Amino acid sequence: MTEKEIRITDFMKRKLERLRTLPENQLRAELAKLRHGIGHAPGEIPAIWGAFLTDLPEEFYRNDDGNASPGEWAVYTALTMFALHQQGHDFRSEWMNEDGMKFGASVRKLAKKDEGKGEDEDKLKRIRARFNKIATASDLPELNHHLRGVINLLSGNGIKLDYADLAVDLYNYSYAEGRTKVRLKWGQDFCRQIKNDEN
């Protein structure tokens, strides 16, 4: 991991841990505010500035052109998607963030048959098509748009995700040289799940 990737990972872990330790009514309010940010650019909604900007390392603050930086987009998207993912799940027993649950592997689990082992081939085709839309997005706003639908599916199926890892992926995805690396990682994790399922 690079120094910046480590900083984003640490930042996200602190944010998620802070959320987890809030009293339930305050946590509900925080997550509702974060969900309101979905579909908006970082900075558009003043009510959630603190949720993603407080304690963000200075190097990740906005670009000189006034647009949100890759770091701001990454943590903003990861936090708002976590809030969406957590909706409808018990805060104490069903925390939807899980370390090590990589994006590609989580998405692959959506193809599982409702009963028993194996995968549903039609489901797998639909999931792969959605996954490909995310992986071929030209920028973070487009990726964010496609990601929302997949997060809803993960939530509906009770499949968890590592949101610190996702934030790092989103950060790297915003750079042309990082995009290929992230796509390969997602593809490997998606396909590695196939091998694991066959054993």
N, C-alpha and C. Protein backbone atom coordinates (compact mmCIF):
# COMPACT_ATOMS: atom_id res chain seq x y z
N MET A 1 0.84 -1.20 0.00
CA MET A 1 0.00 0.00 0.00
C MET A 1 0.87 1.25 0.00
N THR A 2 0.45 2.24 -0.77
CA THR A 2 1.17 3.51 -0.76
C THR A 2 0.82 4.29 0.50
N GLU A 3 1.57 5.34 0.75
CA GLU A 3 1.31 6.19 1.92
C GLU A 3 -0.10 6.79 1.86
N LYS A 4 -0.51 7.23 0.68
CA LYS A 4 -1.85 7.82 0.54
C LYS A 4 -2.95 6.78 0.75
N GLU A 5 -2.74 5.59 0.23
CA GLU A 5 -3.72 4.52 0.42
C GLU A 5 -3.87 4.18 1.91
N ILE A 6 -2.77 4.18 2.62
CA ILE A 6 -2.80 3.91 4.06
C ILE A 6 -3.58 5.01 4.78
N ARG A 7 -3.36 6.26 4.37
CA ARG A 7 -4.06 7.38 5.02
C ARG A 7 -5.56 7.32 4.77
N ILE A 8 -5.96 6.98 3.55
CA ILE A 8 -7.39 6.86 3.25
C ILE A 8 -7.99 5.69 4.04
N THR A 9 -7.30 4.57 4.08
CA THR A 9 -7.78 3.42 4.84
C THR A 9 -7.97 3.78 6.31
N ASP A 10 -6.97 4.40 6.91
CA ASP A 10 -7.05 4.78 8.32
C ASP A 10 -8.18 5.77 8.57
N PHE A 11 -8.32 6.75 7.67
CA PHE A 11 -9.38 7.75 7.80
C PHE A 11 -10.75 7.08 7.77
N MET A 12 -10.97 6.20 6.79
CA MET A 12 -12.27 5.53 6.68
C MET A 12 -12.54 4.64 7.88
N LYS A 13 -11.55 3.93 8.35
CA LYS A 13 -11.75 3.06 9.52
C LYS A 13 -12.15 3.89 10.74
N ARG A 14 -11.51 5.04 10.91
CA ARG A 14 -11.86 5.93 12.04
C ARG A 14 -13.29 6.45 11.90
N LYS A 15 -13.66 6.84 10.68
CA LYS A 15 -15.02 7.35 10.45
C LYS A 15 -16.07 6.28 10.74
N LEU A 16 -15.83 5.07 10.26
CA LEU A 16 -16.79 3.98 10.46
C LEU A 16 -16.86 3.58 11.94
N GLU A 17 -15.72 3.58 12.61
CA GLU A 17 -15.71 3.23 14.04
C GLU A 17 -16.44 4.30 14.84
N ARG A 18 -16.24 5.56 14.47
CA ARG A 18 -16.96 6.65 15.15
C ARG A 18 -18.46 6.47 14.98
N LEU A 19 -18.90 6.17 13.75
CA LEU A 19 -20.32 5.94 13.52
C LEU A 19 -20.84 4.80 14.39
N ARG A 20 -20.08 3.74 14.44
CA ARG A 20 -20.52 2.53 15.16
C ARG A 20 -20.68 2.77 16.66
N THR A 21 -19.95 3.72 17.21
CA THR A 21 -20.01 3.96 18.64
C THR A 21 -21.03 5.03 19.03
N LEU A 22 -21.71 5.62 18.06
CA LEU A 22 -22.73 6.63 18.36
C LEU A 22 -23.96 5.98 18.98
N PRO A 23 -24.69 6.71 19.83
CA PRO A 23 -25.98 6.21 20.30
C PRO A 23 -26.89 5.98 19.08
N GLU A 24 -27.78 5.00 19.19
CA GLU A 24 -28.56 4.58 18.02
C GLU A 24 -29.33 5.70 17.35
N ASN A 25 -29.98 6.57 18.12
CA ASN A 25 -30.75 7.64 17.48
C ASN A 25 -29.85 8.62 16.73
N GLN A 26 -28.67 8.89 17.29
CA GLN A 26 -27.72 9.78 16.61
C GLN A 26 -27.15 9.12 15.36
N LEU A 27 -26.88 7.81 15.45
CA LEU A 27 -26.38 7.07 14.29
C LEU A 27 -27.41 7.07 13.17
N ARG A 28 -28.67 6.84 13.52
CA ARG A 28 -29.74 6.87 12.50
C ARG A 28 -29.77 8.21 11.78
N ALA A 29 -29.65 9.29 12.56
CA ALA A 29 -29.68 10.64 11.98
C ALA A 29 -28.48 10.88 11.07
N GLU A 30 -27.29 10.44 11.52
CA GLU A 30 -26.07 10.61 10.71
C GLU A 30 -26.16 9.85 9.39
N LEU A 31 -26.63 8.61 9.46
CA LEU A 31 -26.73 7.80 8.24
C LEU A 31 -27.79 8.37 7.30
N ALA A 32 -28.87 8.88 7.85
CA ALA A 32 -29.92 9.50 7.01
C ALA A 32 -29.35 10.71 6.27
N LYS A 33 -28.57 11.53 6.99
CA LYS A 33 -27.93 12.70 6.34
C LYS A 33 -27.00 12.25 5.23
N LEU A 34 -26.20 11.23 5.50
CA LEU A 34 -25.26 10.73 4.49
C LEU A 34 -26.01 10.19 3.26
N ARG A 35 -27.09 9.46 3.48
CA ARG A 35 -27.88 8.95 2.34
C ARG A 35 -28.41 10.08 1.49
N HIS A 36 -28.73 11.19 2.12
CA HIS A 36 -29.23 12.36 1.38
C HIS A 36 -28.18 12.88 0.39
N GLY A 37 -26.92 12.58 0.66
CA GLY A 37 -25.84 13.04 -0.21
C GLY A 37 -25.66 12.22 -1.48
N ILE A 38 -26.31 11.06 -1.55
CA ILE A 38 -26.16 10.21 -2.74
C ILE A 38 -26.73 10.92 -3.96
N GLY A 39 -25.96 10.90 -5.03
CA GLY A 39 -26.39 11.58 -6.26
C GLY A 39 -25.93 13.02 -6.33
N HIS A 40 -25.31 13.50 -5.28
CA HIS A 40 -24.77 14.86 -5.25
C HIS A 40 -23.25 14.79 -5.22
N ALA A 41 -22.63 15.88 -5.62
CA ALA A 41 -21.17 15.96 -5.55
C ALA A 41 -20.75 16.34 -4.14
N PRO A 42 -19.55 15.96 -3.73
CA PRO A 42 -19.06 16.38 -2.41
C PRO A 42 -19.11 17.90 -2.31
N GLY A 43 -19.60 18.39 -1.20
CA GLY A 43 -19.66 19.84 -0.98
C GLY A 43 -21.00 20.46 -1.31
N GLU A 44 -21.85 19.77 -2.06
CA GLU A 44 -23.15 20.36 -2.44
C GLU A 44 -24.11 20.47 -1.27
N ILE A 45 -23.97 19.61 -0.28
CA ILE A 45 -24.91 19.59 0.85
C ILE A 45 -24.15 19.95 2.13
N PRO A 46 -24.28 21.20 2.58
CA PRO A 46 -23.53 21.64 3.77
C PRO A 46 -23.76 20.78 5.01
N ALA A 47 -24.94 20.19 5.16
CA ALA A 47 -25.26 19.41 6.36
C ALA A 47 -24.33 18.20 6.54
N ILE A 48 -23.69 17.76 5.47
CA ILE A 48 -22.81 16.58 5.62
C ILE A 48 -21.32 16.91 5.40
N TRP A 49 -20.98 18.17 5.34
CA TRP A 49 -19.56 18.51 5.19
C TRP A 49 -18.71 17.86 6.29
N GLY A 50 -19.16 17.99 7.51
CA GLY A 50 -18.39 17.45 8.63
C GLY A 50 -18.22 15.94 8.58
N ALA A 51 -19.22 15.26 8.04
CA ALA A 51 -19.19 13.79 8.01
C ALA A 51 -18.03 13.25 7.19
N PHE A 52 -17.64 13.98 6.14
CA PHE A 52 -16.54 13.46 5.32
C PHE A 52 -15.31 14.36 5.28
N LEU A 53 -15.43 15.60 5.75
CA LEU A 53 -14.28 16.50 5.70
C LEU A 53 -13.52 16.62 7.02
N THR A 54 -14.21 16.44 8.14
CA THR A 54 -13.54 16.56 9.44
C THR A 54 -12.43 15.52 9.56
N ASP A 55 -11.25 16.01 9.85
CA ASP A 55 -10.04 15.18 10.03
C ASP A 55 -9.50 14.57 8.73
N LEU A 56 -10.07 14.94 7.59
CA LEU A 56 -9.51 14.47 6.32
C LEU A 56 -8.10 15.05 6.17
N PRO A 57 -7.09 14.22 5.92
CA PRO A 57 -5.73 14.75 5.76
C PRO A 57 -5.70 15.86 4.69
N GLU A 58 -4.96 16.89 4.99
CA GLU A 58 -4.90 18.10 4.14
C GLU A 58 -4.60 17.77 2.67
N GLU A 59 -3.77 16.79 2.42
CA GLU A 59 -3.38 16.46 1.05
C GLU A 59 -4.56 15.99 0.19
N PHE A 60 -5.68 15.61 0.84
CA PHE A 60 -6.83 15.12 0.09
C PHE A 60 -7.90 16.19 -0.13
N TYR A 61 -7.63 17.42 0.34
CA TYR A 61 -8.62 18.48 0.13
C TYR A 61 -8.69 18.90 -1.33
N ARG A 62 -9.72 19.67 -1.64
CA ARG A 62 -10.10 20.01 -3.02
C ARG A 62 -8.95 20.48 -3.89
N ASN A 63 -9.19 20.34 -5.20
CA ASN A 63 -8.22 20.80 -6.20
C ASN A 63 -8.23 22.32 -6.27
N ASP A 64 -7.20 22.87 -6.88
CA ASP A 64 -7.13 24.32 -7.06
C ASP A 64 -8.24 24.84 -7.97
N ASP A 65 -8.82 23.97 -8.80
CA ASP A 65 -9.87 24.41 -9.72
C ASP A 65 -11.23 24.53 -9.04
N GLY A 66 -11.29 24.23 -7.73
CA GLY A 66 -12.54 24.38 -7.00
C GLY A 66 -13.43 23.15 -7.01
N ASN A 67 -13.08 22.15 -7.80
CA ASN A 67 -13.85 20.90 -7.82
C ASN A 67 -13.36 19.98 -6.70
N ALA A 68 -14.21 19.04 -6.33
CA ALA A 68 -13.82 18.08 -5.31
C ALA A 68 -12.61 17.28 -5.78
N SER A 69 -11.72 17.00 -4.86
CA SER A 69 -10.51 16.24 -5.19
C SER A 69 -10.85 14.75 -5.27
N PRO A 70 -9.96 13.95 -5.84
CA PRO A 70 -10.16 12.50 -5.85
C PRO A 70 -10.34 11.92 -4.44
N GLY A 71 -9.59 12.45 -3.47
CA GLY A 71 -9.72 11.97 -2.09
C GLY A 71 -11.08 12.29 -1.51
N GLU A 72 -11.57 13.50 -1.77
CA GLU A 72 -12.90 13.88 -1.28
C GLU A 72 -13.98 13.03 -1.93
N TRP A 73 -13.88 12.82 -3.25
CA TRP A 73 -14.86 11.97 -3.94
C TRP A 73 -14.85 10.55 -3.37
N ALA A 74 -13.66 10.03 -3.12
CA ALA A 74 -13.53 8.64 -2.66
C ALA A 74 -14.18 8.44 -1.30
N VAL A 75 -13.84 9.28 -0.31
CA VAL A 75 -14.39 9.08 1.03
C VAL A 75 -15.87 9.45 1.07
N TYR A 76 -16.26 10.47 0.32
CA TYR A 76 -17.67 10.87 0.26
C TYR A 76 -18.52 9.74 -0.31
N THR A 77 -18.07 9.17 -1.42
CA THR A 77 -18.82 8.09 -2.06
C THR A 77 -18.87 6.87 -1.15
N ALA A 78 -17.74 6.50 -0.55
CA ALA A 78 -17.72 5.33 0.33
C ALA A 78 -18.64 5.51 1.54
N LEU A 79 -18.62 6.68 2.15
CA LEU A 79 -19.47 6.92 3.32
C LEU A 79 -20.95 6.97 2.97
N THR A 80 -21.29 7.62 1.87
CA THR A 80 -22.71 7.69 1.49
C THR A 80 -23.22 6.31 1.07
N MET A 81 -22.39 5.52 0.40
CA MET A 81 -22.80 4.17 0.01
C MET A 81 -22.91 3.26 1.23
N PHE A 82 -22.03 3.45 2.21
CA PHE A 82 -22.17 2.68 3.44
C PHE A 82 -23.51 2.99 4.12
N ALA A 83 -23.86 4.26 4.16
CA ALA A 83 -25.14 4.66 4.78
C ALA A 83 -26.31 4.00 4.06
N LEU A 84 -26.24 3.91 2.74
CA LEU A 84 -27.28 3.23 1.97
C LEU A 84 -27.28 1.74 2.28
N HIS A 85 -26.13 1.15 2.34
CA HIS A 85 -25.97 -0.29 2.58
C HIS A 85 -26.50 -0.67 3.97
N GLN A 86 -26.26 0.18 4.95
CA GLN A 86 -26.65 -0.12 6.33
C GLN A 86 -28.15 0.03 6.56
N GLN A 87 -28.83 0.78 5.69
CA GLN A 87 -30.26 1.02 5.87
C GLN A 87 -31.04 -0.30 5.93
N GLY A 88 -31.89 -0.42 6.94
CA GLY A 88 -32.71 -1.62 7.08
C GLY A 88 -32.02 -2.76 7.82
N HIS A 89 -30.78 -2.55 8.26
CA HIS A 89 -30.04 -3.57 9.00
C HIS A 89 -29.82 -3.10 10.43
N ASP A 90 -29.86 -4.02 11.37
CA ASP A 90 -29.65 -3.70 12.77
C ASP A 90 -28.21 -3.19 12.97
N PHE A 91 -28.09 -2.08 13.68
CA PHE A 91 -26.79 -1.44 13.85
C PHE A 91 -25.83 -2.26 14.69
N ARG A 92 -26.33 -3.07 15.58
CA ARG A 92 -25.46 -3.83 16.48
C ARG A 92 -25.12 -5.22 15.93
N SER A 93 -26.10 -5.88 15.32
CA SER A 93 -25.86 -7.26 14.89
C SER A 93 -25.60 -7.41 13.39
N GLU A 94 -25.90 -6.39 12.61
CA GLU A 94 -25.71 -6.48 11.15
C GLU A 94 -24.96 -5.27 10.62
N TRP A 95 -23.78 -5.03 11.14
CA TRP A 95 -22.95 -3.92 10.65
C TRP A 95 -22.45 -4.31 9.28
N MET A 96 -22.77 -3.55 8.24
CA MET A 96 -22.53 -3.99 6.86
C MET A 96 -21.11 -3.72 6.36
N ASN A 97 -20.28 -3.12 7.19
CA ASN A 97 -18.85 -3.00 6.85
C ASN A 97 -18.12 -4.21 7.44
N GLU A 98 -17.32 -4.88 6.61
CA GLU A 98 -16.53 -6.01 7.11
C GLU A 98 -15.14 -5.98 6.47
N ASP A 99 -14.12 -5.88 7.31
CA ASP A 99 -12.74 -5.87 6.80
C ASP A 99 -12.48 -7.11 5.96
N GLY A 100 -11.81 -6.90 4.84
CA GLY A 100 -11.41 -8.02 3.98
C GLY A 100 -12.45 -8.46 2.97
N MET A 101 -13.67 -7.92 3.05
CA MET A 101 -14.73 -8.31 2.10
C MET A 101 -14.61 -7.39 0.87
N LYS A 102 -13.79 -7.82 -0.08
CA LYS A 102 -13.46 -7.01 -1.26
C LYS A 102 -14.66 -6.83 -2.19
N PHE A 103 -14.64 -5.74 -2.92
CA PHE A 103 -15.77 -5.37 -3.77
C PHE A 103 -16.11 -6.46 -4.79
N GLY A 104 -15.14 -6.94 -5.54
CA GLY A 104 -15.40 -7.95 -6.57
C GLY A 104 -16.00 -9.23 -5.99
N ALA A 105 -15.47 -9.67 -4.86
CA ALA A 105 -15.97 -10.90 -4.22
C ALA A 105 -17.38 -10.69 -3.68
N SER A 106 -17.66 -9.52 -3.13
CA SER A 106 -19.00 -9.24 -2.62
C SER A 106 -20.03 -9.25 -3.75
N VAL A 107 -19.67 -8.62 -4.86
CA VAL A 107 -20.59 -8.56 -6.00
C VAL A 107 -20.84 -9.96 -6.54
N ARG A 108 -19.81 -10.78 -6.59
CA ARG A 108 -19.96 -12.14 -7.10
C ARG A 108 -20.97 -12.95 -6.27
N LYS A 109 -21.02 -12.69 -4.97
CA LYS A 109 -21.94 -13.42 -4.10
C LYS A 109 -23.40 -13.19 -4.48
N LEU A 110 -23.66 -12.11 -5.20
CA LEU A 110 -25.04 -11.84 -5.64
C LEU A 110 -25.56 -12.90 -6.60
N ALA A 111 -24.66 -13.66 -7.22
CA ALA A 111 -25.08 -14.68 -8.19
C ALA A 111 -25.44 -16.01 -7.53
N LYS A 112 -25.28 -16.10 -6.22
CA LYS A 112 -25.61 -17.35 -5.52
C LYS A 112 -27.09 -17.69 -5.70
N LYS A 113 -27.35 -18.96 -5.80
CA LYS A 113 -28.75 -19.42 -5.84
C LYS A 113 -29.40 -19.14 -4.50
N ASP A 114 -30.70 -18.92 -4.53
CA ASP A 114 -31.42 -18.65 -3.29
C ASP A 114 -31.38 -19.84 -2.34
N GLU A 115 -31.34 -21.03 -2.91
CA GLU A 115 -31.31 -22.24 -2.07
C GLU A 115 -30.10 -23.09 -2.48
N GLY A 116 -29.44 -23.64 -1.51
CA GLY A 116 -28.36 -24.57 -1.80
C GLY A 116 -27.11 -23.92 -2.35
N LYS A 117 -26.20 -24.78 -2.87
CA LYS A 117 -24.92 -24.31 -3.40
C LYS A 117 -25.04 -23.97 -4.87
N GLY A 118 -23.99 -23.35 -5.36
CA GLY A 118 -23.93 -23.04 -6.78
C GLY A 118 -24.41 -21.64 -7.10
N GLU A 119 -24.47 -21.38 -8.40
CA GLU A 119 -24.87 -20.06 -8.88
C GLU A 119 -25.99 -20.18 -9.90
N ASP A 120 -26.75 -19.15 -9.99
CA ASP A 120 -27.81 -19.03 -10.98
C ASP A 120 -27.18 -18.35 -12.21
N GLU A 121 -27.12 -19.05 -13.34
CA GLU A 121 -26.44 -18.53 -14.53
C GLU A 121 -27.07 -17.23 -15.04
N ASP A 122 -28.41 -17.15 -15.03
CA ASP A 122 -29.07 -15.92 -15.48
C ASP A 122 -28.74 -14.76 -14.55
N LYS A 123 -28.75 -15.06 -13.26
CA LYS A 123 -28.40 -14.04 -12.27
C LYS A 123 -26.96 -13.58 -12.48
N LEU A 124 -26.07 -14.55 -12.73
CA LEU A 124 -24.66 -14.23 -12.93
C LEU A 124 -24.47 -13.30 -14.13
N LYS A 125 -25.20 -13.54 -15.21
CA LYS A 125 -25.11 -12.66 -16.40
C LYS A 125 -25.54 -11.24 -16.06
N ARG A 126 -26.63 -11.12 -15.31
CA ARG A 126 -27.13 -9.78 -14.94
C ARG A 126 -26.14 -9.07 -14.01
N ILE A 127 -25.60 -9.82 -13.06
CA ILE A 127 -24.63 -9.24 -12.11
C ILE A 127 -23.37 -8.81 -12.85
N ARG A 128 -22.90 -9.66 -13.76
CA ARG A 128 -21.69 -9.33 -14.53
C ARG A 128 -21.91 -8.06 -15.36
N ALA A 129 -23.10 -7.91 -15.95
CA ALA A 129 -23.40 -6.71 -16.74
C ALA A 129 -23.36 -5.46 -15.87
N ARG A 130 -23.94 -5.54 -14.68
CA ARG A 130 -23.90 -4.40 -13.75
C ARG A 130 -22.47 -4.10 -13.32
N PHE A 131 -21.74 -5.15 -13.00
CA PHE A 131 -20.35 -5.03 -12.56
C PHE A 131 -19.51 -4.36 -13.65
N ASN A 132 -19.73 -4.77 -14.90
CA ASN A 132 -18.97 -4.19 -16.01
C ASN A 132 -19.27 -2.71 -16.19
N LYS A 133 -20.51 -2.29 -15.94
CA LYS A 133 -20.85 -0.86 -16.04
C LYS A 133 -20.07 -0.06 -15.02
N ILE A 134 -19.93 -0.62 -13.83
CA ILE A 134 -19.16 0.08 -12.80
C ILE A 134 -17.69 0.14 -13.21
N ALA A 135 -17.15 -1.00 -13.63
CA ALA A 135 -15.73 -1.10 -13.94
C ALA A 135 -15.31 -0.31 -15.18
N THR A 136 -16.26 0.03 -16.04
CA THR A 136 -15.92 0.80 -17.24
C THR A 136 -16.36 2.26 -17.16
N ALA A 137 -16.80 2.68 -15.99
CA ALA A 137 -17.20 4.09 -15.81
C ALA A 137 -16.01 5.00 -16.13
N SER A 138 -16.29 6.13 -16.75
CA SER A 138 -15.21 7.02 -17.17
C SER A 138 -14.68 7.91 -16.05
N ASP A 139 -15.47 8.10 -14.98
CA ASP A 139 -15.02 8.92 -13.87
C ASP A 139 -15.81 8.55 -12.61
N LEU A 140 -15.45 9.17 -11.48
CA LEU A 140 -16.11 8.82 -10.22
C LEU A 140 -17.60 9.18 -10.18
N PRO A 141 -18.03 10.33 -10.72
CA PRO A 141 -19.48 10.58 -10.71
C PRO A 141 -20.27 9.51 -11.45
N GLU A 142 -19.78 9.04 -12.60
CA GLU A 142 -20.47 7.98 -13.34
C GLU A 142 -20.42 6.66 -12.56
N LEU A 143 -19.26 6.35 -12.00
CA LEU A 143 -19.11 5.13 -11.21
C LEU A 143 -20.08 5.16 -10.01
N ASN A 144 -20.16 6.31 -9.36
CA ASN A 144 -21.05 6.50 -8.22
C ASN A 144 -22.50 6.18 -8.61
N HIS A 145 -22.91 6.61 -9.79
CA HIS A 145 -24.27 6.37 -10.28
C HIS A 145 -24.54 4.86 -10.40
N HIS A 146 -23.63 4.13 -11.01
CA HIS A 146 -23.81 2.69 -11.19
C HIS A 146 -23.64 1.91 -9.88
N LEU A 147 -22.78 2.42 -9.02
CA LEU A 147 -22.50 1.76 -7.75
C LEU A 147 -23.74 1.69 -6.86
N ARG A 148 -24.56 2.71 -6.91
CA ARG A 148 -25.75 2.78 -6.06
C ARG A 148 -26.64 1.55 -6.21
N GLY A 149 -26.89 1.14 -7.44
CA GLY A 149 -27.74 -0.03 -7.68
C GLY A 149 -27.15 -1.31 -7.12
N VAL A 150 -25.84 -1.46 -7.25
CA VAL A 150 -25.18 -2.66 -6.73
C VAL A 150 -25.19 -2.68 -5.20
N ILE A 151 -24.98 -1.52 -4.59
CA ILE A 151 -25.02 -1.45 -3.12
C ILE A 151 -26.42 -1.80 -2.62
N ASN A 152 -27.45 -1.35 -3.32
CA ASN A 152 -28.82 -1.73 -2.94
C ASN A 152 -28.99 -3.25 -2.99
N LEU A 153 -28.43 -3.89 -4.01
CA LEU A 153 -28.52 -5.35 -4.12
C LEU A 153 -27.74 -6.04 -3.00
N LEU A 154 -26.55 -5.55 -2.70
CA LEU A 154 -25.75 -6.12 -1.61
C LEU A 154 -26.53 -6.02 -0.30
N SER A 155 -27.11 -4.86 -0.06
CA SER A 155 -27.87 -4.65 1.17
C SER A 155 -29.06 -5.59 1.24
N GLY A 156 -29.80 -5.69 0.14
CA GLY A 156 -30.98 -6.55 0.10
C GLY A 156 -30.66 -8.02 0.30
N ASN A 157 -29.43 -8.41 -0.01
CA ASN A 157 -29.02 -9.81 0.14
C ASN A 157 -28.16 -10.04 1.38
N GLY A 158 -27.99 -8.99 2.20
CA GLY A 158 -27.22 -9.13 3.44
C GLY A 158 -25.75 -9.40 3.23
N ILE A 159 -25.20 -8.95 2.11
CA ILE A 159 -23.79 -9.17 1.78
C ILE A 159 -22.98 -7.94 2.21
N LYS A 160 -21.95 -8.17 2.99
CA LYS A 160 -21.16 -7.07 3.54
C LYS A 160 -20.05 -6.64 2.58
N LEU A 161 -19.41 -5.51 2.92
CA LEU A 161 -18.37 -4.94 2.07
C LEU A 161 -17.36 -4.20 2.94
N ASP A 162 -16.10 -4.22 2.53
CA ASP A 162 -15.03 -3.49 3.21
C ASP A 162 -14.99 -2.08 2.64
N TYR A 163 -15.53 -1.12 3.40
CA TYR A 163 -15.65 0.24 2.89
C TYR A 163 -14.35 1.04 2.91
N ALA A 164 -13.41 0.69 3.77
CA ALA A 164 -12.10 1.34 3.72
C ALA A 164 -11.38 0.92 2.44
N ASP A 165 -11.48 -0.36 2.10
CA ASP A 165 -10.87 -0.86 0.86
C ASP A 165 -11.55 -0.24 -0.36
N LEU A 166 -12.88 -0.11 -0.30
CA LEU A 166 -13.60 0.52 -1.42
C LEU A 166 -13.15 1.96 -1.60
N ALA A 167 -12.96 2.70 -0.50
CA ALA A 167 -12.52 4.09 -0.61
C ALA A 167 -11.17 4.19 -1.30
N VAL A 168 -10.26 3.29 -0.98
CA VAL A 168 -8.94 3.27 -1.64
C VAL A 168 -9.11 2.99 -3.13
N ASP A 169 -9.96 2.01 -3.46
CA ASP A 169 -10.22 1.70 -4.87
C ASP A 169 -10.78 2.92 -5.60
N LEU A 170 -11.72 3.61 -4.98
CA LEU A 170 -12.33 4.78 -5.61
C LEU A 170 -11.29 5.89 -5.81
N TYR A 171 -10.43 6.07 -4.83
CA TYR A 171 -9.36 7.07 -4.95
C TYR A 171 -8.46 6.73 -6.14
N ASN A 172 -8.01 5.50 -6.21
CA ASN A 172 -7.13 5.10 -7.31
C ASN A 172 -7.84 5.16 -8.66
N TYR A 173 -9.13 4.87 -8.68
CA TYR A 173 -9.91 4.87 -9.92
C TYR A 173 -9.97 6.25 -10.55
N SER A 174 -9.82 7.27 -9.75
CA SER A 174 -9.94 8.63 -10.28
C SER A 174 -8.72 9.06 -11.11
N TYR A 175 -7.68 8.25 -11.09
CA TYR A 175 -6.48 8.53 -11.89
C TYR A 175 -6.38 7.51 -13.01
N ALA A 176 -6.04 7.98 -14.21
CA ALA A 176 -5.97 7.09 -15.37
C ALA A 176 -5.04 5.90 -15.11
N GLU A 177 -3.90 6.16 -14.47
CA GLU A 177 -2.94 5.08 -14.24
C GLU A 177 -3.42 4.11 -13.16
N GLY A 178 -4.31 4.56 -12.29
CA GLY A 178 -4.84 3.70 -11.24
C GLY A 178 -6.06 2.91 -11.66
N ARG A 179 -6.75 3.40 -12.69
CA ARG A 179 -8.00 2.78 -13.12
C ARG A 179 -7.79 1.33 -13.56
N THR A 180 -6.75 1.08 -14.35
CA THR A 180 -6.46 -0.27 -14.82
C THR A 180 -6.15 -1.19 -13.65
N LYS A 181 -5.40 -0.68 -12.69
CA LYS A 181 -5.05 -1.46 -11.50
C LYS A 181 -6.31 -1.86 -10.72
N VAL A 182 -7.23 -0.91 -10.54
CA VAL A 182 -8.47 -1.19 -9.80
C VAL A 182 -9.34 -2.17 -10.56
N ARG A 183 -9.47 -1.97 -11.86
CA ARG A 183 -10.29 -2.89 -12.67
C ARG A 183 -9.75 -4.32 -12.58
N LEU A 184 -8.43 -4.46 -12.65
CA LEU A 184 -7.83 -5.78 -12.56
C LEU A 184 -8.10 -6.40 -11.18
N LYS A 185 -7.94 -5.61 -10.14
CA LYS A 185 -8.19 -6.09 -8.77
C LYS A 185 -9.64 -6.56 -8.65
N TRP A 186 -10.59 -5.74 -9.11
CA TRP A 186 -12.01 -6.10 -9.02
C TRP A 186 -12.28 -7.38 -9.81
N GLY A 187 -11.69 -7.46 -11.01
CA GLY A 187 -11.88 -8.65 -11.84
C GLY A 187 -11.31 -9.89 -11.18
N GLN A 188 -10.11 -9.76 -10.60
CA GLN A 188 -9.50 -10.89 -9.91
C GLN A 188 -10.37 -11.36 -8.74
N ASP A 189 -10.85 -10.41 -7.95
CA ASP A 189 -11.68 -10.77 -6.79
C ASP A 189 -13.01 -11.38 -7.22
N PHE A 190 -13.56 -10.88 -8.31
CA PHE A 190 -14.82 -11.43 -8.85
C PHE A 190 -14.60 -12.86 -9.32
N CYS A 191 -13.53 -13.10 -10.06
CA CYS A 191 -13.24 -14.43 -10.60
C CYS A 191 -12.70 -15.39 -9.55
N ARG A 192 -11.94 -14.88 -8.60
CA ARG A 192 -11.42 -15.72 -7.52
C ARG A 192 -12.57 -16.33 -6.75
N GLN A 193 -13.65 -15.62 -6.62
CA GLN A 193 -14.84 -16.13 -5.93
C GLN A 193 -15.36 -17.37 -6.64
N ILE A 194 -15.26 -17.39 -7.98
CA ILE A 194 -15.72 -18.55 -8.75
C ILE A 194 -14.93 -19.78 -8.32
N LYS A 195 -13.61 -19.62 -8.29
CA LYS A 195 -12.74 -20.75 -7.92
C LYS A 195 -13.08 -21.24 -6.52
N ASN A 196 -13.25 -20.32 -5.59
CA ASN A 196 -13.57 -20.69 -4.21
C ASN A 196 -14.91 -21.42 -4.14
N ASP A 197 -15.87 -21.00 -4.95
CA ASP A 197 -17.20 -21.64 -4.94
C ASP A 197 -17.15 -23.05 -5.46
N GLU A 198 -16.20 -23.32 -6.35
CA GLU A 198 -16.14 -24.65 -6.96
C GLU A 198 -15.52 -25.69 -6.03
N ASN A 199 -14.80 -25.24 -5.01
CA ASN A 199 -14.14 -26.16 -4.07
C ASN A 199 -15.10 -26.64 -3.00
